[in-house]
PDB file of N, CA and C in Angstrom:
ATOM      1  N   MET A   1       3.065   4.625  -5.193  1.00  0.00           N
ATOM      2  CA  MET A   1       2.862   4.029  -3.902  1.00  0.00           C
ATOM      3  C   MET A   1       2.409   2.580  -4.073  1.00  0.00           C
ATOM      4  N   ALA A   2       1.555   2.312  -5.041  1.00  0.00           N
ATOM      5  CA  ALA A   2       1.050   0.955  -5.249  1.00  0.00           C
ATOM      6  C   ALA A   2       2.173   0.006  -5.667  1.00  0.00           C
ATOM      7  N   ALA A   3       3.043   0.468  -6.535  1.00  0.00           N
ATOM      8  CA  ALA A   3       4.143  -0.386  -6.992  1.00  0.00           C
ATOM      9  C   ALA A   3       5.090  -0.710  -5.840  1.00  0.00           C
ATOM     10  N   TYR A   4       5.360   0.272  -4.998  1.00  0.00           N
ATOM     11  CA  TYR A   4       6.239   0.052  -3.848  1.00  0.00           C
ATOM     12  C   TYR A   4       5.592  -0.923  -2.867  1.00  0.00           C
ATOM     13  N   ALA A   5       4.295  -0.768  -2.616  1.00  0.00           N
ATOM     14  CA  ALA A   5       3.580  -1.677  -1.721  1.00  0.00           C
ATOM     15  C   ALA A   5       3.606  -3.094  -2.267  1.00  0.00           C
ATOM     16  N   ARG A   6       3.389  -3.218  -3.580  1.00  0.00           N
ATOM     17  CA  ARG A   6       3.400  -4.542  -4.212  1.00  0.00           C
ATOM     18  C   ARG A   6       4.778  -5.181  -4.102  1.00  0.00           C
ATOM     19  N   SER A   7       5.837  -4.406  -4.308  1.00  0.00           N
ATOM     20  CA  SER A   7       7.186  -4.973  -4.229  1.00  0.00           C
ATOM     21  C   SER A   7       7.535  -5.394  -2.803  1.00  0.00           C
ATOM     22  N   LEU A   8       7.100  -4.616  -1.830  1.00  0.00           N
ATOM     23  CA  LEU A   8       7.341  -5.001  -0.436  1.00  0.00           C
ATOM     24  C   LEU A   8       6.607  -6.288  -0.094  1.00  0.00           C
ATOM     25  N   ARG A   9       5.360  -6.389  -0.556  1.00  0.00           N
ATOM     26  CA  ARG A   9       4.562  -7.589  -0.280  1.00  0.00           C
ATOM     27  C   ARG A   9       5.176  -8.810  -0.949  1.00  0.00           C
ATOM     28  N   THR A  10       5.700  -8.636  -2.152  1.00  0.00           N
ATOM     29  CA  THR A  10       6.356  -9.727  -2.864  1.00  0.00           C
ATOM     30  C   THR A  10       7.577 -10.219  -2.092  1.00  0.00           C
ATOM     31  N   ASN A  11       8.247  -9.304  -1.403  1.00  0.00           N
ATOM     32  CA  ASN A  11       9.428  -9.663  -0.615  1.00  0.00           C
ATOM     33  C   ASN A  11       9.078 -10.198   0.765  1.00  0.00           C
ATOM     34  N   GLY A  12       7.781 -10.380   1.053  1.00  0.00           N
ATOM     35  CA  GLY A  12       7.367 -11.001   2.303  1.00  0.00           C
ATOM     36  C   GLY A  12       7.162 -10.062   3.466  1.00  0.00           C
ATOM     37  N   VAL A  13       7.109  -8.762   3.215  1.00  0.00           N
ATOM     38  CA  VAL A  13       6.884  -7.798   4.293  1.00  0.00           C
ATOM     39  C   VAL A  13       5.402  -7.832   4.663  1.00  0.00           C
ATOM     40  N   PRO A  14       5.073  -7.965   5.964  1.00  0.00           N
ATOM     41  CA  PRO A  14       3.669  -7.979   6.379  1.00  0.00           C
ATOM     42  C   PRO A  14       2.987  -6.627   6.091  1.00  0.00           C
ATOM     43  N   VAL A  15       1.703  -6.677   5.800  1.00  0.00           N
ATOM     44  CA  VAL A  15       0.965  -5.462   5.435  1.00  0.00           C
ATOM     45  C   VAL A  15       1.035  -4.385   6.523  1.00  0.00           C
ATOM     46  N   PRO A  16       0.915  -4.706   7.818  1.00  0.00           N
ATOM     47  CA  PRO A  16       1.025  -3.628   8.814  1.00  0.00           C
ATOM     48  C   PRO A  16       2.368  -2.884   8.751  1.00  0.00           C
ATOM     49  N   GLN A  17       3.438  -3.583   8.419  1.00  0.00           N
ATOM     50  CA  GLN A  17       4.733  -2.916   8.275  1.00  0.00           C
ATOM     51  C   GLN A  17       4.792  -2.091   6.999  1.00  0.00           C
ATOM     52  N   ILE A  18       4.107  -2.548   5.960  1.00  0.00           N
ATOM     53  CA  ILE A  18       4.064  -1.787   4.707  1.00  0.00           C
ATOM     54  C   ILE A  18       3.399  -0.441   4.950  1.00  0.00           C
ATOM     55  N   THR A  19       2.326  -0.423   5.746  1.00  0.00           N
ATOM     56  CA  THR A  19       1.621   0.834   5.997  1.00  0.00           C
ATOM     57  C   THR A  19       2.533   1.860   6.661  1.00  0.00           C
ATOM     58  N   GLN A  20       3.448   1.406   7.486  1.00  0.00           N
ATOM     59  CA  GLN A  20       4.357   2.329   8.163  1.00  0.00           C
ATOM     60  C   GLN A  20       5.434   2.876   7.232  1.00  0.00           C
ATOM     61  N   LYS A  21       5.684   2.200   6.128  1.00  0.00           N
ATOM     62  CA  LYS A  21       6.687   2.654   5.164  1.00  0.00           C
ATOM     63  C   LYS A  21       6.096   3.601   4.119  1.00  0.00           C
ATOM     64  N   LEU A  22       4.772   3.566   3.947  1.00  0.00           N
ATOM     65  CA  LEU A  22       4.111   4.393   2.938  1.00  0.00           C
ATOM     66  C   LEU A  22       3.632   5.704   3.544  1.00  0.00           C
ATOM     67  N   VAL A  23       3.595   6.744   2.721  1.00  0.00           N
ATOM     68  CA  VAL A  23       3.095   8.052   3.138  1.00  0.00           C
ATOM     69  C   VAL A  23       2.179   8.576   2.044  1.00  0.00           C
ATOM     70  N   ILE A  24       1.023   9.076   2.450  1.00  0.00           N
ATOM     71  CA  ILE A  24       0.077   9.659   1.502  1.00  0.00           C
ATOM     72  C   ILE A  24       0.640  10.984   1.021  1.00  0.00           C
ATOM     73  N   THR A  25       0.666  11.186  -0.314  1.00  0.00           N
ATOM     74  CA  THR A  25       1.340  12.358  -0.882  1.00  0.00           C
ATOM     75  C   THR A  25       0.414  13.513  -1.238  1.00  0.00           C
ATOM     76  N   SER A  26      -0.902  13.288  -1.225  1.00  0.00           N
ATOM     77  CA  SER A  26      -1.807  14.393  -1.567  1.00  0.00           C
ATOM     78  C   SER A  26      -3.144  14.207  -0.855  1.00  0.00           C
ATOM     79  N   GLY A  27      -3.959  15.248  -0.891  1.00  0.00           N
ATOM     80  CA  GLY A  27      -5.275  15.180  -0.275  1.00  0.00           C
ATOM     81  C   GLY A  27      -5.255  15.616   1.171  1.00  0.00           C
ATOM     82  N   LYS A  28      -6.389  15.448   1.836  1.00  0.00           N
ATOM     83  CA  LYS A  28      -6.510  15.940   3.209  1.00  0.00           C
ATOM     84  C   LYS A  28      -5.653  15.139   4.196  1.00  0.00           C
ATOM     85  N   ASN A  29      -5.282  13.918   3.849  1.00  0.00           N
ATOM     86  CA  ASN A  29      -4.450  13.090   4.732  1.00  0.00           C
ATOM     87  C   ASN A  29      -2.975  13.110   4.331  1.00  0.00           C
ATOM     88  N   LYS A  30      -2.583  14.111   3.578  1.00  0.00           N
ATOM     89  CA  LYS A  30      -1.198  14.225   3.109  1.00  0.00           C
ATOM     90  C   LYS A  30      -0.232  14.143   4.294  1.00  0.00           C
ATOM     91  N   GLY A  31       0.795  13.332   4.128  1.00  0.00           N
ATOM     92  CA  GLY A  31       1.811  13.176   5.163  1.00  0.00           C
ATOM     93  C   GLY A  31       1.527  12.083   6.167  1.00  0.00           C
ATOM     94  N   GLU A  32       0.351  11.485   6.098  1.00  0.00           N
ATOM     95  CA  GLU A  32      -0.009  10.414   7.021  1.00  0.00           C
ATOM     96  C   GLU A  32       0.192   9.052   6.363  1.00  0.00           C
ATOM     97  N   HIS A  33       0.173   8.015   7.187  1.00  0.00           N
ATOM     98  CA  HIS A  33       0.284   6.651   6.679  1.00  0.00           C
ATOM     99  C   HIS A  33      -1.102   6.150   6.304  1.00  0.00           C
ATOM    100  N   PRO A  34      -1.211   5.354   5.242  1.00  0.00           N
ATOM    101  CA  PRO A  34      -2.517   4.777   4.895  1.00  0.00           C
ATOM    102  C   PRO A  34      -2.900   3.704   5.911  1.00  0.00           C
ATOM    103  N   SER A  35      -4.176   3.377   5.961  1.00  0.00           N
ATOM    104  CA  SER A  35      -4.633   2.324   6.860  1.00  0.00           C
ATOM    105  C   SER A  35      -4.283   0.953   6.277  1.00  0.00           C
ATOM    106  N   VAL A  36      -4.343  -0.052   7.121  1.00  0.00           N
ATOM    107  CA  VAL A  36      -4.090  -1.424   6.671  1.00  0.00           C
ATOM    108  C   VAL A  36      -5.121  -1.807   5.605  1.00  0.00           C
ATOM    109  N   ALA A  37      -6.370  -1.393   5.803  1.00  0.00           N
ATOM    110  CA  ALA A  37      -7.424  -1.703   4.832  1.00  0.00           C
ATOM    111  C   ALA A  37      -7.118  -1.083   3.475  1.00  0.00           C
ATOM    112  N   THR A  38      -6.599   0.131   3.475  1.00  0.00           N
ATOM    113  CA  THR A  38      -6.261   0.800   2.224  1.00  0.00           C
ATOM    114  C   THR A  38      -5.163   0.047   1.492  1.00  0.00           C
ATOM    115  N   VAL A  39      -4.167  -0.420   2.215  1.00  0.00           N
ATOM    116  CA  VAL A  39      -3.072  -1.152   1.580  1.00  0.00           C
ATOM    117  C   VAL A  39      -3.588  -2.473   1.008  1.00  0.00           C
ATOM    118  N   TYR A  40      -4.441  -3.185   1.751  1.00  0.00           N
ATOM    119  CA  TYR A  40      -5.028  -4.414   1.211  1.00  0.00           C
ATOM    120  C   TYR A  40      -5.833  -4.112  -0.053  1.00  0.00           C
ATOM    121  N   ARG A  41      -6.570  -2.997  -0.066  1.00  0.00           N
ATOM    122  CA  ARG A  41      -7.356  -2.618  -1.240  1.00  0.00           C
ATOM    123  C   ARG A  41      -6.454  -2.310  -2.427  1.00  0.00           C
ATOM    124  N   ILE A  42      -5.341  -1.602  -2.183  1.00  0.00           N
ATOM    125  CA  ILE A  42      -4.384  -1.296  -3.249  1.00  0.00           C
ATOM    126  C   ILE A  42      -3.809  -2.587  -3.827  1.00  0.00           C
ATOM    127  N   LEU A  43      -3.434  -3.515  -2.954  1.00  0.00           N
ATOM    128  CA  LEU A  43      -2.864  -4.780  -3.407  1.00  0.00           C
ATOM    129  C   LEU A  43      -3.899  -5.602  -4.173  1.00  0.00           C
ATOM    130  N   ALA A  44      -5.142  -5.575  -3.737  1.00  0.00           N
ATOM    131  CA  ALA A  44      -6.201  -6.326  -4.420  1.00  0.00           C
ATOM    132  C   ALA A  44      -6.485  -5.721  -5.793  1.00  0.00           C
ATOM    133  N   GLU A  45      -6.504  -4.401  -5.897  1.00  0.00           N
ATOM    134  CA  GLU A  45      -6.739  -3.748  -7.181  1.00  0.00           C
ATOM    135  C   GLU A  45      -5.614  -4.071  -8.157  1.00  0.00           C
ATOM    136  N   GLU A  46      -4.402  -4.087  -7.679  1.00  0.00           N
ATOM    137  CA  GLU A  46      -3.261  -4.419  -8.531  1.00  0.00           C
ATOM    138  C   GLU A  46      -3.368  -5.869  -9.002  1.00  0.00           C
ATOM    139  N   ALA A  47      -3.799  -6.768  -8.130  1.00  0.00           N
ATOM    140  CA  ALA A  47      -3.925  -8.168  -8.511  1.00  0.00           C
ATOM    141  C   ALA A  47      -5.030  -8.346  -9.547  1.00  0.00           C
ATOM    142  N   ASP A  48      -6.127  -7.610  -9.396  1.00  0.00           N
ATOM    143  CA  ASP A  48      -7.231  -7.706 -10.346  1.00  0.00           C
ATOM    144  C   ASP A  48      -6.834  -7.152 -11.714  1.00  0.00           C
ATOM    145  N   SER A  49      -6.018  -6.110 -11.741  1.00  0.00           N
ATOM    146  CA  SER A  49      -5.649  -5.498 -13.016  1.00  0.00           C
ATOM    147  C   SER A  49      -4.608  -6.315 -13.781  1.00  0.00           C
ATOM    148  N   THR A  50      -3.926  -7.226 -13.119  1.00  0.00           N
ATOM    149  CA  THR A  50      -2.926  -8.054 -13.787  1.00  0.00           C
ATOM    150  C   THR A  50      -3.514  -9.345 -14.336  1.00  0.00           C
ATOM    151  N   LYS A  51      -4.789  -9.614 -14.041  1.00  0.00           N
ATOM    152  CA  LYS A  51      -5.426 -10.849 -14.533  1.00  0.00           C
ATOM    153  C   LYS A  51      -5.907 -10.693 -15.934  1.00  0.00           C
TER     154      LYS A  51
END
């Protein structure tokens, strides 16, 4: 999910639209879309790990 979110963001897709394309695959929120805050956190974690 993180790689897909990162690729969408690289292509200029706004974060609110990214959230609608992603689906949580496990846990109590399985089948739901992540929040905008969650997507920003995923993107920030990916950016920190590439430094």
